[in-house]
């Protein structure tokens, strides 16, 4: 019932009271005039006041139950959905529904908040309780096994001691295995990128170095490179691989550096003039002299054919150079 209705009904009750007053006046006037009419006025006035009080005073029970939302608020919210209507039946009023939703939101919000790690003054028992609640293993080996690795990535045997070392530190700080897995994956991704960059740089450096040496050595490139190996093997058979497989201070490979290769080729040839000469027959100085005589015979027998044979000419010149170097060392 609205305020206007309440006021209106209260006003009607007032009018009934006025009627009672009028009836009383009529009753008093009955002594002189018509008392019966005064009595009727009093009865009518009293009756009217009683009826108006019932209509404008206390609310009826069915009006109290409806409330400001009406008694069909569940049906309106459900919009024909029987499951929703059944769920809404658990709430006595829209206010109760709203309070339940606020409570559910509060619990969800608290559940999403990460549990705070123990502080600086925490005891071993505090940390143990925290790890148990967060599902963090106590032992380092179990912790390492619990670290999830995405994309089927496997932890190499060489990396396991390193991972165990950092896992022990992470375990002490309450880092869960899932978070550690993110860090380990990032570490491997960084390593793979670095390896790819180094491999590309090595390939570029080797290609550029070989091009420079081939241009310098010409047709003697292969024999010059082959001459280095015996020079190193005379000292130690493993020296060549260990040295040339290493890296310089700038990160470039020693075996691909043109200055290094050039240096050791010159050293090898100076140490052994025969290093770049492979005699057709025999060995040593006698083998060189024999091959020189054979080539000189060809040159004298058919000079036209000889001057067309560039390979034979270069071979004879190399033999001459080797013979001179041997003679210079005596």
C-alpha atoms as a PDB file:
ATOM      1  CA  UNK A   1       0.000   0.000   0.000  1.00  0.00           C
ATOM      2  CA  UNK A   2       1.390   3.393  -0.977  1.00  0.00           C
ATOM      3  CA  UNK A   3       1.869   6.396   1.264  1.00  0.00           C
ATOM      4  CA  UNK A   4      -0.907   8.186  -0.584  1.00  0.00           C
ATOM      5  CA  UNK A   5      -3.255   5.247   0.076  1.00  0.00           C
ATOM      6  CA  UNK A   6      -2.295   5.121   3.725  1.00  0.00           C
ATOM      7  CA  UNK A   7      -2.899   8.831   4.117  1.00  0.00           C
ATOM      8  CA  UNK A   8      -6.187   8.564   2.270  1.00  0.00           C
ATOM      9  CA  UNK A   9      -7.398   5.689   4.456  1.00  0.00           C
ATOM     10  CA  UNK A  10      -6.345   7.532   7.578  1.00  0.00           C
ATOM     11  CA  UNK A  11      -8.338  10.533   6.401  1.00  0.00           C
ATOM     12  CA  UNK A  12     -11.423   8.377   5.989  1.00  0.00           C
ATOM     13  CA  UNK A  13     -11.077   7.224   9.556  1.00  0.00           C
ATOM     14  CA  UNK A  14     -11.020  10.850  10.612  1.00  0.00           C
ATOM     15  CA  UNK A  15     -14.225  11.446   8.821  1.00  0.00           C
ATOM     16  CA  UNK A  16     -15.759   8.531  10.742  1.00  0.00           C
ATOM     17  CA  UNK A  17     -14.685  10.159  13.952  1.00  0.00           C
ATOM     18  CA  UNK A  18     -16.356  13.345  12.830  1.00  0.00           C
ATOM     19  CA  UNK A  19     -19.484  11.333  12.239  1.00  0.00           C
ATOM     20  CA  UNK A  20     -19.284   9.996  15.754  1.00  0.00           C
ATOM     21  CA  UNK A  21     -19.028  13.544  16.987  1.00  0.00           C
ATOM     22  CA  UNK A  22     -21.965  14.560  14.975  1.00  0.00           C
ATOM     23  CA  UNK A  23     -23.925  11.587  16.310  1.00  0.00           C
ATOM     24  CA  UNK A  24     -23.075  12.574  19.835  1.00  0.00           C
ATOM     25  CA  UNK A  25     -24.291  16.041  19.164  1.00  0.00           C
ATOM     26  CA  UNK A  26     -27.425  14.584  17.749  1.00  0.00           C
ATOM     27  CA  UNK A  27     -27.886  12.393  20.825  1.00  0.00           C
ATOM     28  CA  UNK A  28     -27.516  15.392  23.056  1.00  0.00           C
ATOM     29  CA  UNK A  29     -29.981  17.274  21.036  1.00  0.00           C
ATOM     30  CA  UNK A  30     -32.414  14.378  21.404  1.00  0.00           C
ATOM     31  CA  UNK A  31     -33.510  15.653  24.783  1.00  0.00           C
ATOM     32  CA  UNK A  32     -34.905  18.632  23.173  1.00  0.00           C
ATOM     33  CA  UNK A  33     -35.619  17.337  19.721  1.00  0.00           C
ATOM     34  CA  UNK A  34     -35.253  13.763  18.263  1.00  0.00           C
ATOM     35  CA  UNK A  35     -33.030  11.577  20.362  1.00  0.00           C
ATOM     36  CA  UNK A  36     -33.569   8.595  18.039  1.00  0.00           C
ATOM     37  CA  UNK A  37     -31.986  10.397  15.162  1.00  0.00           C
ATOM     38  CA  UNK A  38     -29.049  11.338  17.369  1.00  0.00           C
ATOM     39  CA  UNK A  39     -28.575   7.662  18.290  1.00  0.00           C
ATOM     40  CA  UNK A  40     -28.631   6.623  14.697  1.00  0.00           C
ATOM     41  CA  UNK A  41     -26.004   9.276  13.960  1.00  0.00           C
ATOM     42  CA  UNK A  42     -23.812   7.988  16.739  1.00  0.00           C
ATOM     43  CA  UNK A  43     -24.063   4.407  15.486  1.00  0.00           C
ATOM     44  CA  UNK A  44     -23.302   5.411  11.972  1.00  0.00           C
ATOM     45  CA  UNK A  45     -20.327   7.511  13.066  1.00  0.00           C
ATOM     46  CA  UNK A  46     -18.849   4.767  15.201  1.00  0.00           C
ATOM     47  CA  UNK A  47     -19.298   2.126  12.519  1.00  0.00           C
ATOM     48  CA  UNK A  48     -17.697   4.260   9.890  1.00  0.00           C
ATOM     49  CA  UNK A  49     -14.625   4.905  12.050  1.00  0.00           C
ATOM     50  CA  UNK A  50     -14.075   1.192  12.788  1.00  0.00           C
ATOM     51  CA  UNK A  51     -14.210   0.152   9.109  1.00  0.00           C
ATOM     52  CA  UNK A  52     -11.785   2.869   8.014  1.00  0.00           C
ATOM     53  CA  UNK A  53      -9.191   1.875  10.654  1.00  0.00           C
ATOM     54  CA  UNK A  54      -9.151  -1.683   9.388  1.00  0.00           C
ATOM     55  CA  UNK A  55      -8.442  -0.522   5.836  1.00  0.00           C
ATOM     56  CA  UNK A  56      -5.848   2.186   6.611  1.00  0.00           C
ATOM     57  CA  UNK A  57      -3.978   0.723   9.644  1.00  0.00           C
ATOM     58  CA  UNK A  58      -1.970  -2.586   9.722  1.00  0.00           C
ATOM     59  CA  UNK A  59      -1.076  -4.420   6.396  1.00  0.00           C
ATOM     60  CA  UNK A  60      -2.706  -7.684   5.581  1.00  0.00           C
ATOM     61  CA  UNK A  61      -0.515 -10.875   5.732  1.00  0.00           C
ATOM     62  CA  UNK A  62      -0.433 -11.421   1.931  1.00  0.00           C
ATOM     63  CA  UNK A  63       0.801  -7.843   1.394  1.00  0.00           C
ATOM     64  CA  UNK A  64       3.605  -8.349   3.946  1.00  0.00           C
ATOM     65  CA  UNK A  65       4.915 -11.434   2.073  1.00  0.00           C
ATOM     66  CA  UNK A  66       5.054  -9.722  -1.312  1.00  0.00           C
ATOM     67  CA  UNK A  67       7.488  -6.999  -0.235  1.00  0.00           C
ATOM     68  CA  UNK A  68       8.804  -4.313  -2.625  1.00  0.00           C
ATOM     69  CA  UNK A  69       9.933  -6.959  -5.217  1.00  0.00           C
ATOM     70  CA  UNK A  70       6.628  -8.804  -5.376  1.00  0.00           C
ATOM     71  CA  UNK A  71       6.097 -12.496  -4.756  1.00  0.00           C
ATOM     72  CA  UNK A  72       7.049 -13.502  -8.321  1.00  0.00           C
ATOM     73  CA  UNK A  73      10.644 -12.185  -8.315  1.00  0.00           C
ATOM     74  CA  UNK A  74      12.034 -15.714  -8.723  1.00  0.00           C
ATOM     75  CA  UNK A  75       9.980 -16.319 -11.861  1.00  0.00           C
ATOM     76  CA  UNK A  76      11.126 -13.006 -13.315  1.00  0.00           C
ATOM     77  CA  UNK A  77      14.806 -13.802 -12.743  1.00  0.00           C
ATOM     78  CA  UNK A  78      14.485 -17.385 -13.991  1.00  0.00           C
ATOM     79  CA  UNK A  79      12.814 -16.277 -17.251  1.00  0.00           C
ATOM     80  CA  UNK A  80      11.256 -19.677 -17.745  1.00  0.00           C
ATOM     81  CA  UNK A  81      14.367 -21.702 -16.836  1.00  0.00           C
ATOM     82  CA  UNK A  82      13.242 -24.408 -14.419  1.00  0.00           C
ATOM     83  CA  UNK A  83      16.764 -25.101 -13.136  1.00  0.00           C
ATOM     84  CA  UNK A  84      17.294 -21.456 -12.324  1.00  0.00           C
ATOM     85  CA  UNK A  85      13.891 -21.268 -10.686  1.00  0.00           C
ATOM     86  CA  UNK A  86      14.728 -24.282  -8.527  1.00  0.00           C
ATOM     87  CA  UNK A  87      18.048 -22.726  -7.510  1.00  0.00           C
ATOM     88  CA  UNK A  88      16.379 -19.430  -6.680  1.00  0.00           C
ATOM     89  CA  UNK A  89      13.968 -21.296  -4.447  1.00  0.00           C
ATOM     90  CA  UNK A  90      16.768 -21.661  -1.899  1.00  0.00           C
ATOM     91  CA  UNK A  91      16.684 -17.920  -1.204  1.00  0.00           C
ATOM     92  CA  UNK A  92      13.966 -16.264   0.861  1.00  0.00           C
ATOM     93  CA  UNK A  93      14.321 -12.881  -0.847  1.00  0.00           C
ATOM     94  CA  UNK A  94      16.361 -10.994  -3.450  1.00  0.00           C
ATOM     95  CA  UNK A  95      18.334  -9.523  -0.569  1.00  0.00           C
ATOM     96  CA  UNK A  96      19.331 -13.025   0.558  1.00  0.00           C
ATOM     97  CA  UNK A  97      20.363 -13.876  -3.023  1.00  0.00           C
ATOM     98  CA  UNK A  98      22.569 -10.773  -3.224  1.00  0.00           C
ATOM     99  CA  UNK A  99      24.205 -11.541   0.124  1.00  0.00           C
ATOM    100  CA  UNK A 100      24.990 -15.107  -1.009  1.00  0.00           C
ATOM    101  CA  UNK A 101      26.574 -13.820  -4.199  1.00  0.00           C
ATOM    102  CA  UNK A 102      28.737 -11.362  -2.251  1.00  0.00           C
ATOM    103  CA  UNK A 103      29.909 -14.139   0.043  1.00  0.00           C
ATOM    104  CA  UNK A 104      30.750 -16.411  -2.914  1.00  0.00           C
ATOM    105  CA  UNK A 105      32.712 -13.631  -4.611  1.00  0.00           C
ATOM    106  CA  UNK A 106      34.646 -12.999  -1.412  1.00  0.00           C
ATOM    107  CA  UNK A 107      35.603 -16.661  -1.046  1.00  0.00           C
ATOM    108  CA  UNK A 108      36.683 -16.895  -4.696  1.00  0.00           C
ATOM    109  CA  UNK A 109      38.798 -13.771  -4.323  1.00  0.00           C
ATOM    110  CA  UNK A 110      40.499 -15.123  -1.226  1.00  0.00           C
ATOM    111  CA  UNK A 111      41.075 -18.464  -2.911  1.00  0.00           C
ATOM    112  CA  UNK A 112      42.846 -16.825  -5.872  1.00  0.00           C
ATOM    113  CA  UNK A 113      45.285 -14.957  -3.680  1.00  0.00           C
ATOM    114  CA  UNK A 114      48.616 -16.840  -3.429  1.00  0.00           C
ATOM    115  CA  UNK A 115      49.563 -17.943   0.014  1.00  0.00           C
ATOM    116  CA  UNK A 116      52.200 -15.634   1.448  1.00  0.00           C
ATOM    117  CA  UNK A 117      55.645 -17.155   1.913  1.00  0.00           C
ATOM    118  CA  UNK A 118      57.043 -17.350   5.435  1.00  0.00           C
ATOM    119  CA  UNK A 119      58.920 -14.247   6.526  1.00  0.00           C
ATOM    120  CA  UNK A 120      62.489 -13.741   7.669  1.00  0.00           C
ATOM    121  CA  UNK A 121      61.685 -14.937  11.168  1.00  0.00           C
ATOM    122  CA  UNK A 122      59.958 -18.102   9.991  1.00  0.00           C
ATOM    123  CA  UNK A 123      61.035 -21.394  11.519  1.00  0.00           C
ATOM    124  CA  UNK A 124      61.833 -24.627   9.699  1.00  0.00           C
ATOM    125  CA  UNK A 125      58.398 -25.879  10.661  1.00  0.00           C
ATOM    126  CA  UNK A 126      56.810 -22.804   9.061  1.00  0.00           C
ATOM    127  CA  UNK A 127      58.638 -23.490   5.799  1.00  0.00           C
ATOM    128  CA  UNK A 128      57.786 -27.165   5.954  1.00  0.00           C
ATOM    129  CA  UNK A 129      54.099 -26.378   6.408  1.00  0.00           C
ATOM    130  CA  UNK A 130      54.235 -23.901   3.539  1.00  0.00           C
ATOM    131  CA  UNK A 131      55.873 -26.428   1.205  1.00  0.00           C
ATOM    132  CA  UNK A 132      53.340 -29.077   2.118  1.00  0.00           C
ATOM    133  CA  UNK A 133      50.434 -26.735   1.415  1.00  0.00           C
ATOM    134  CA  UNK A 134      51.951 -25.625  -1.898  1.00  0.00           C
ATOM    135  CA  UNK A 135      52.807 -29.168  -2.997  1.00  0.00           C
ATOM    136  CA  UNK A 136      56.584 -28.558  -2.963  1.00  0.00           C
ATOM    137  CA  UNK A 137      58.695 -31.714  -2.352  1.00  0.00           C
ATOM    138  CA  UNK A 138      61.091 -31.709   0.565  1.00  0.00           C
ATOM    139  CA  UNK A 139      64.005 -33.574  -1.070  1.00  0.00           C
ATOM    140  CA  UNK A 140      66.063 -32.007  -3.878  1.00  0.00           C
ATOM    141  CA  UNK A 141      65.937 -35.170  -6.027  1.00  0.00           C
ATOM    142  CA  UNK A 142      62.144 -35.297  -5.754  1.00  0.00           C
ATOM    143  CA  UNK A 143      61.993 -31.583  -6.507  1.00  0.00           C
ATOM    144  CA  UNK A 144      64.027 -32.027  -9.697  1.00  0.00           C
ATOM    145  CA  UNK A 145      61.795 -34.908 -10.812  1.00  0.00           C
ATOM    146  CA  UNK A 146      58.705 -32.753 -10.218  1.00  0.00           C
ATOM    147  CA  UNK A 147      59.914 -29.946 -12.492  1.00  0.00           C
ATOM    148  CA  UNK A 148      57.652 -29.993 -15.585  1.00  0.00           C
ATOM    149  CA  UNK A 149      59.455 -29.564 -18.908  1.00  0.00           C
ATOM    150  CA  UNK A 150      57.301 -28.356 -21.838  1.00  0.00           C
ATOM    151  CA  UNK A 151      57.398 -29.764 -25.370  1.00  0.00           C
ATOM    152  CA  UNK A 152      58.949 -33.015 -24.209  1.00  0.00           C
ATOM    153  CA  UNK A 153      62.257 -31.336 -23.427  1.00  0.00           C
ATOM    154  CA  UNK A 154      64.664 -33.580 -21.550  1.00  0.00           C
ATOM    155  CA  UNK A 155      67.253 -32.496 -18.995  1.00  0.00           C
ATOM    156  CA  UNK A 156      70.686 -33.664 -20.163  1.00  0.00           C
ATOM    157  CA  UNK A 157      72.970 -35.616 -17.860  1.00  0.00           C
ATOM    158  CA  UNK A 158      75.572 -32.828 -17.996  1.00  0.00           C
ATOM    159  CA  UNK A 159      72.945 -30.323 -16.830  1.00  0.00           C
ATOM    160  CA  UNK A 160      71.584 -32.355 -13.929  1.00  0.00           C
ATOM    161  CA  UNK A 161      74.265 -31.336 -11.376  1.00  0.00           C
ATOM    162  CA  UNK A 162      73.732 -27.678 -12.291  1.00  0.00           C
ATOM    163  CA  UNK A 163      69.967 -28.048 -12.048  1.00  0.00           C
ATOM    164  CA  UNK A 164      70.276 -29.808  -8.681  1.00  0.00           C
ATOM    165  CA  UNK A 165      72.396 -26.931  -7.374  1.00  0.00           C
ATOM    166  CA  UNK A 166      69.854 -24.275  -8.355  1.00  0.00           C
ATOM    167  CA  UNK A 167      66.932 -26.478  -7.294  1.00  0.00           C
ATOM    168  CA  UNK A 168      68.351 -26.618  -3.774  1.00  0.00           C
ATOM    169  CA  UNK A 169      68.400 -22.808  -3.677  1.00  0.00           C
ATOM    170  CA  UNK A 170      64.892 -22.582  -5.125  1.00  0.00           C
ATOM    171  CA  UNK A 171      63.596 -25.151  -2.653  1.00  0.00           C
ATOM    172  CA  UNK A 172      64.943 -23.131   0.242  1.00  0.00           C
ATOM    173  CA  UNK A 173      63.073 -20.060  -1.021  1.00  0.00           C
ATOM    174  CA  UNK A 174      59.799 -21.902  -1.521  1.00  0.00           C
ATOM    175  CA  UNK A 175      59.799 -21.779  -5.326  1.00  0.00           C
ATOM    176  CA  UNK A 176      57.322 -24.355  -6.604  1.00  0.00           C
ATOM    177  CA  UNK A 177      58.425 -26.877  -9.295  1.00  0.00           C
ATOM    178  CA  UNK A 178      56.111 -25.348 -11.923  1.00  0.00           C
ATOM    179  CA  UNK A 179      57.747 -21.929 -11.543  1.00  0.00           C
ATOM    180  CA  UNK A 180      61.179 -23.553 -11.643  1.00  0.00           C
ATOM    181  CA  UNK A 181      60.168 -25.320 -14.849  1.00  0.00           C
ATOM    182  CA  UNK A 182      59.486 -21.963 -16.505  1.00  0.00           C
ATOM    183  CA  UNK A 183      62.978 -20.775 -15.563  1.00  0.00           C
ATOM    184  CA  UNK A 184      64.652 -23.982 -16.768  1.00  0.00           C
ATOM    185  CA  UNK A 185      62.804 -23.844 -20.076  1.00  0.00           C
ATOM    186  CA  UNK A 186      63.871 -20.228 -20.544  1.00  0.00           C
ATOM    187  CA  UNK A 187      67.465 -21.246 -19.805  1.00  0.00           C
ATOM    188  CA  UNK A 188      67.406 -23.981 -22.442  1.00  0.00           C
ATOM    189  CA  UNK A 189      65.789 -21.664 -24.966  1.00  0.00           C
ATOM    190  CA  UNK A 190      68.550 -19.110 -24.361  1.00  0.00           C
ATOM    191  CA  UNK A 191      71.221 -21.811 -24.766  1.00  0.00           C
ATOM    192  CA  UNK A 192      69.726 -23.022 -28.034  1.00  0.00           C
ATOM    193  CA  UNK A 193      69.669 -19.495 -29.399  1.00  0.00           C
ATOM    194  CA  UNK A 194      73.287 -18.950 -28.386  1.00  0.00           C
ATOM    195  CA  UNK A 195      74.385 -22.231 -30.004  1.00  0.00           C
ATOM    196  CA  UNK A 196      72.589 -21.335 -33.225  1.00  0.00           C
ATOM    197  CA  UNK A 197      74.255 -17.915 -33.270  1.00  0.00           C
ATOM    198  CA  UNK A 198      77.708 -19.422 -32.653  1.00  0.00           C
ATOM    199  CA  UNK A 199      77.240 -22.042 -35.360  1.00  0.00           C
ATOM    200  CA  UNK A 200      76.254 -19.388 -37.872  1.00  0.00           C
ATOM    201  CA  UNK A 201      79.198 -17.179 -36.910  1.00  0.00           C
ATOM    202  CA  UNK A 202      81.586 -20.162 -37.194  1.00  0.00           C
ATOM    203  CA  UNK A 203      80.286 -21.075 -40.636  1.00  0.00           C
ATOM    204  CA  UNK A 204      80.626 -17.499 -41.899  1.00  0.00           C
ATOM    205  CA  UNK A 205      84.135 -17.147 -40.468  1.00  0.00           C
ATOM    206  CA  UNK A 206      85.291 -20.466 -41.939  1.00  0.00           C
ATOM    207  CA  UNK A 207      83.901 -19.626 -45.380  1.00  0.00           C
ATOM    208  CA  UNK A 208      85.591 -16.229 -45.437  1.00  0.00           C
ATOM    209  CA  UNK A 209      88.910 -17.646 -44.176  1.00  0.00           C
ATOM    210  CA  UNK A 210      88.976 -20.461 -46.733  1.00  0.00           C
ATOM    211  CA  UNK A 211      88.215 -18.041 -49.545  1.00  0.00           C
ATOM    212  CA  UNK A 212      91.163 -15.843 -48.552  1.00  0.00           C
ATOM    213  CA  UNK A 213      93.597 -18.765 -48.285  1.00  0.00           C
ATOM    214  CA  UNK A 214      92.489 -20.357 -51.550  1.00  0.00           C
ATOM    215  CA  UNK A 215      93.038 -17.086 -53.317  1.00  0.00           C
ATOM    216  CA  UNK A 216      96.507 -16.857 -51.782  1.00  0.00           C
ATOM    217  CA  UNK A 217      97.630 -20.491 -52.148  1.00  0.00           C
ATOM    218  CA  UNK A 218      95.929 -21.164 -55.453  1.00  0.00           C
ATOM    219  CA  UNK A 219      96.384 -24.744 -56.600  1.00  0.00           C
ATOM    220  CA  UNK A 220      98.646 -25.488 -53.623  1.00  0.00           C
ATOM    221  CA  UNK A 221      95.837 -24.959 -51.106  1.00  0.00           C
ATOM    222  CA  UNK A 222      95.172 -28.647 -50.472  1.00  0.00           C
ATOM    223  CA  UNK A 223      98.847 -29.631 -50.268  1.00  0.00           C
ATOM    224  CA  UNK A 224      99.625 -26.714 -47.978  1.00  0.00           C
ATOM    225  CA  UNK A 225      96.809 -27.614 -45.614  1.00  0.00           C
ATOM    226  CA  UNK A 226      97.872 -31.275 -45.653  1.00  0.00           C
ATOM    227  CA  UNK A 227     101.462 -30.265 -44.848  1.00  0.00           C
ATOM    228  CA  UNK A 228     100.446 -29.000 -41.406  1.00  0.00           C
ATOM    229  CA  UNK A 229      99.265 -32.319 -40.025  1.00  0.00           C
ATOM    230  CA  UNK A 230     102.624 -34.142 -40.059  1.00  0.00           C
ATOM    231  CA  UNK A 231     104.210 -31.079 -38.487  1.00  0.00           C
ATOM    232  CA  UNK A 232     101.886 -31.374 -35.472  1.00  0.00           C
ATOM    233  CA  UNK A 233     101.951 -35.174 -35.390  1.00  0.00           C
ATOM    234  CA  UNK A 234     105.728 -35.094 -35.009  1.00  0.00           C
ATOM    235  CA  UNK A 235     105.111 -33.492 -31.607  1.00  0.00           C
ATOM    236  CA  UNK A 236     101.855 -35.109 -30.492  1.00  0.00           C
ATOM    237  CA  UNK A 237      99.208 -36.875 -32.555  1.00  0.00           C
ATOM    238  CA  UNK A 238      96.412 -35.202 -30.623  1.00  0.00           C
ATOM    239  CA  UNK A 239      97.900 -31.725 -30.746  1.00  0.00           C
ATOM    240  CA  UNK A 240      96.484 -30.756 -34.138  1.00  0.00           C
ATOM    241  CA  UNK A 241      92.868 -31.510 -33.208  1.00  0.00           C
ATOM    242  CA  UNK A 242      93.080 -29.988 -29.738  1.00  0.00           C
ATOM    243  CA  UNK A 243      94.677 -26.786 -30.945  1.00  0.00           C
ATOM    244  CA  UNK A 244      92.709 -26.219 -34.139  1.00  0.00           C
ATOM    245  CA  UNK A 245      89.439 -27.160 -32.432  1.00  0.00           C
ATOM    246  CA  UNK A 246      89.906 -24.442 -29.819  1.00  0.00           C
ATOM    247  CA  UNK A 247      88.928 -20.809 -29.897  1.00  0.00           C
ATOM    248  CA  UNK A 248      90.779 -17.528 -29.797  1.00  0.00           C
ATOM    249  CA  UNK A 249      90.094 -14.714 -27.344  1.00  0.00           C
ATOM    250  CA  UNK A 250      87.590 -13.148 -29.765  1.00  0.00           C
ATOM    251  CA  UNK A 251      85.626 -16.395 -29.951  1.00  0.00           C
ATOM    252  CA  UNK A 252      86.691 -17.402 -33.471  1.00  0.00           C
ATOM    253  CA  UNK A 253      87.931 -20.952 -34.085  1.00  0.00           C
ATOM    254  CA  UNK A 254      91.703 -21.269 -34.268  1.00  0.00           C
ATOM    255  CA  UNK A 255      91.623 -23.783 -37.089  1.00  0.00           C
ATOM    256  CA  UNK A 256      89.560 -21.472 -39.297  1.00  0.00           C
ATOM    257  CA  UNK A 257      91.598 -18.321 -38.730  1.00  0.00           C
ATOM    258  CA  UNK A 258      93.527 -17.542 -41.965  1.00  0.00           C
ATOM    259  CA  UNK A 259      96.452 -15.959 -40.109  1.00  0.00           C
ATOM    260  CA  UNK A 260      96.878 -19.032 -37.899  1.00  0.00           C
ATOM    261  CA  UNK A 261      96.659 -21.434 -40.845  1.00  0.00           C
ATOM    262  CA  UNK A 262      99.107 -19.357 -42.875  1.00  0.00           C
ATOM    263  CA  UNK A 263     101.547 -19.241 -39.970  1.00  0.00           C
ATOM    264  CA  UNK A 264     101.612 -23.007 -39.444  1.00  0.00           C
ATOM    265  CA  UNK A 265     101.766 -23.789 -43.162  1.00  0.00           C
ATOM    266  CA  UNK A 266     104.910 -21.670 -43.436  1.00  0.00           C
ATOM    267  CA  UNK A 267     106.344 -23.295 -40.312  1.00  0.00           C
ATOM    268  CA  UNK A 268     105.615 -26.787 -41.627  1.00  0.00           C
ATOM    269  CA  UNK A 269     107.144 -26.106 -45.044  1.00  0.00           C
ATOM    270  CA  UNK A 270     110.195 -24.422 -43.515  1.00  0.00           C
ATOM    271  CA  UNK A 271     110.676 -27.391 -41.189  1.00  0.00           C
ATOM    272  CA  UNK A 272     110.171 -29.925 -43.959  1.00  0.00           C
ATOM    273  CA  UNK A 273     110.534 -28.673 -47.560  1.00  0.00           C
ATOM    274  CA  UNK A 274     109.138 -31.967 -48.784  1.00  0.00           C
ATOM    275  CA  UNK A 275     105.904 -31.460 -46.849  1.00  0.00           C
ATOM    276  CA  UNK A 276     104.095 -30.022 -49.860  1.00  0.00           C
ATOM    277  CA  UNK A 277     105.789 -32.303 -52.382  1.00  0.00           C
ATOM    278  CA  UNK A 278     104.515 -35.792 -53.090  1.00  0.00           C
ATOM    279  CA  UNK A 279     107.091 -37.436 -55.372  1.00  0.00           C
ATOM    280  CA  UNK A 280     105.791 -39.625 -58.136  1.00  0.00           C
ATOM    281  CA  UNK A 281     108.133 -42.365 -56.980  1.00  0.00           C
ATOM    282  CA  UNK A 282     110.627 -42.816 -54.165  1.00  0.00           C
ATOM    283  CA  UNK A 283     110.955 -40.499 -51.197  1.00  0.00           C
ATOM    284  CA  UNK A 284     113.189 -37.724 -49.921  1.00  0.00           C
ATOM    285  CA  UNK A 285     115.672 -35.744 -51.999  1.00  0.00           C
ATOM    286  CA  UNK A 286     116.407 -38.678 -54.340  1.00  0.00           C
ATOM    287  CA  UNK A 287     112.745 -38.988 -55.192  1.00  0.00           C
ATOM    288  CA  UNK A 288     112.618 -35.269 -56.035  1.00  0.00           C
ATOM    289  CA  UNK A 289     115.696 -35.494 -58.256  1.00  0.00           C
ATOM    290  CA  UNK A 290     114.294 -38.508 -60.090  1.00  0.00           C
ATOM    291  CA  UNK A 291     110.978 -36.778 -60.789  1.00  0.00           C
ATOM    292  CA  UNK A 292     112.758 -33.611 -61.963  1.00  0.00           C
ATOM    293  CA  UNK A 293     114.742 -35.621 -64.496  1.00  0.00           C
ATOM    294  CA  UNK A 294     111.576 -37.299 -65.766  1.00  0.00           C
ATOM    295  CA  UNK A 295     109.756 -34.002 -66.270  1.00  0.00           C
ATOM    296  CA  UNK A 296     112.785 -32.362 -67.890  1.00  0.00           C
ATOM    297  CA  UNK A 297     112.990 -35.233 -70.338  1.00  0.00           C
ATOM    298  CA  UNK A 298     109.344 -34.666 -71.313  1.00  0.00           C
ATOM    299  CA  UNK A 299     109.998 -30.949 -71.751  1.00  0.00           C
ATOM    300  CA  UNK A 300     112.961 -31.572 -74.097  1.00  0.00           C
ATOM    301  CA  UNK A 301     111.222 -34.245 -76.137  1.00  0.00           C
ATOM    302  CA  UNK A 302     108.108 -32.265 -77.053  1.00  0.00           C
ATOM    303  CA  UNK A 303     108.307 -28.626 -76.111  1.00  0.00           C
ATOM    304  CA  UNK A 304     105.009 -27.678 -77.782  1.00  0.00           C
ATOM    305  CA  UNK A 305     103.110 -30.246 -75.738  1.00  0.00           C
ATOM    306  CA  UNK A 306     105.067 -29.278 -72.631  1.00  0.00           C
ATOM    307  CA  UNK A 307     104.143 -25.628 -72.732  1.00  0.00           C
ATOM    308  CA  UNK A 308     100.491 -26.571 -73.070  1.00  0.00           C
ATOM    309  CA  UNK A 309     100.653 -28.702 -69.874  1.00  0.00           C
ATOM    310  CA  UNK A 310     100.274 -26.109 -67.081  1.00  0.00           C
ATOM    311  CA  UNK A 311      99.969 -28.764 -64.403  1.00  0.00           C
ATOM    312  CA  UNK A 312     103.278 -30.404 -65.302  1.00  0.00           C
ATOM    313  CA  UNK A 313     104.997 -27.009 -65.416  1.00  0.00           C
ATOM    314  CA  UNK A 314     103.751 -26.110 -61.926  1.00  0.00           C
ATOM    315  CA  UNK A 315     104.818 -29.510 -60.645  1.00  0.00           C
ATOM    316  CA  UNK A 316     108.339 -29.078 -61.978  1.00  0.00           C
ATOM    317  CA  UNK A 317     108.584 -25.595 -60.447  1.00  0.00           C
ATOM    318  CA  UNK A 318     107.478 -26.950 -57.044  1.00  0.00           C
ATOM    319  CA  UNK A 319     110.126 -29.651 -57.259  1.00  0.00           C
ATOM    320  CA  UNK A 320     112.778 -27.069 -58.044  1.00  0.00           C
ATOM    321  CA  UNK A 321     111.707 -24.973 -55.018  1.00  0.00           C
ATOM    322  CA  UNK A 322     111.787 -28.010 -52.731  1.00  0.00           C
ATOM    323  CA  UNK A 323     115.235 -29.002 -53.974  1.00  0.00           C
ATOM    324  CA  UNK A 324     116.524 -25.458 -53.346  1.00  0.00           C
ATOM    325  CA  UNK A 325     115.107 -25.402 -49.794  1.00  0.00           C
ATOM    326  CA  UNK A 326     116.767 -28.718 -49.033  1.00  0.00           C
ATOM    327  CA  UNK A 327     120.052 -27.463 -50.374  1.00  0.00           C
ATOM    328  CA  UNK A 328     119.757 -24.263 -48.316  1.00  0.00           C
ATOM    329  CA  UNK A 329     119.450 -26.239 -45.103  1.00  0.00           C
ATOM    330  CA  UNK A 330     122.713 -28.143 -45.624  1.00  0.00           C
END
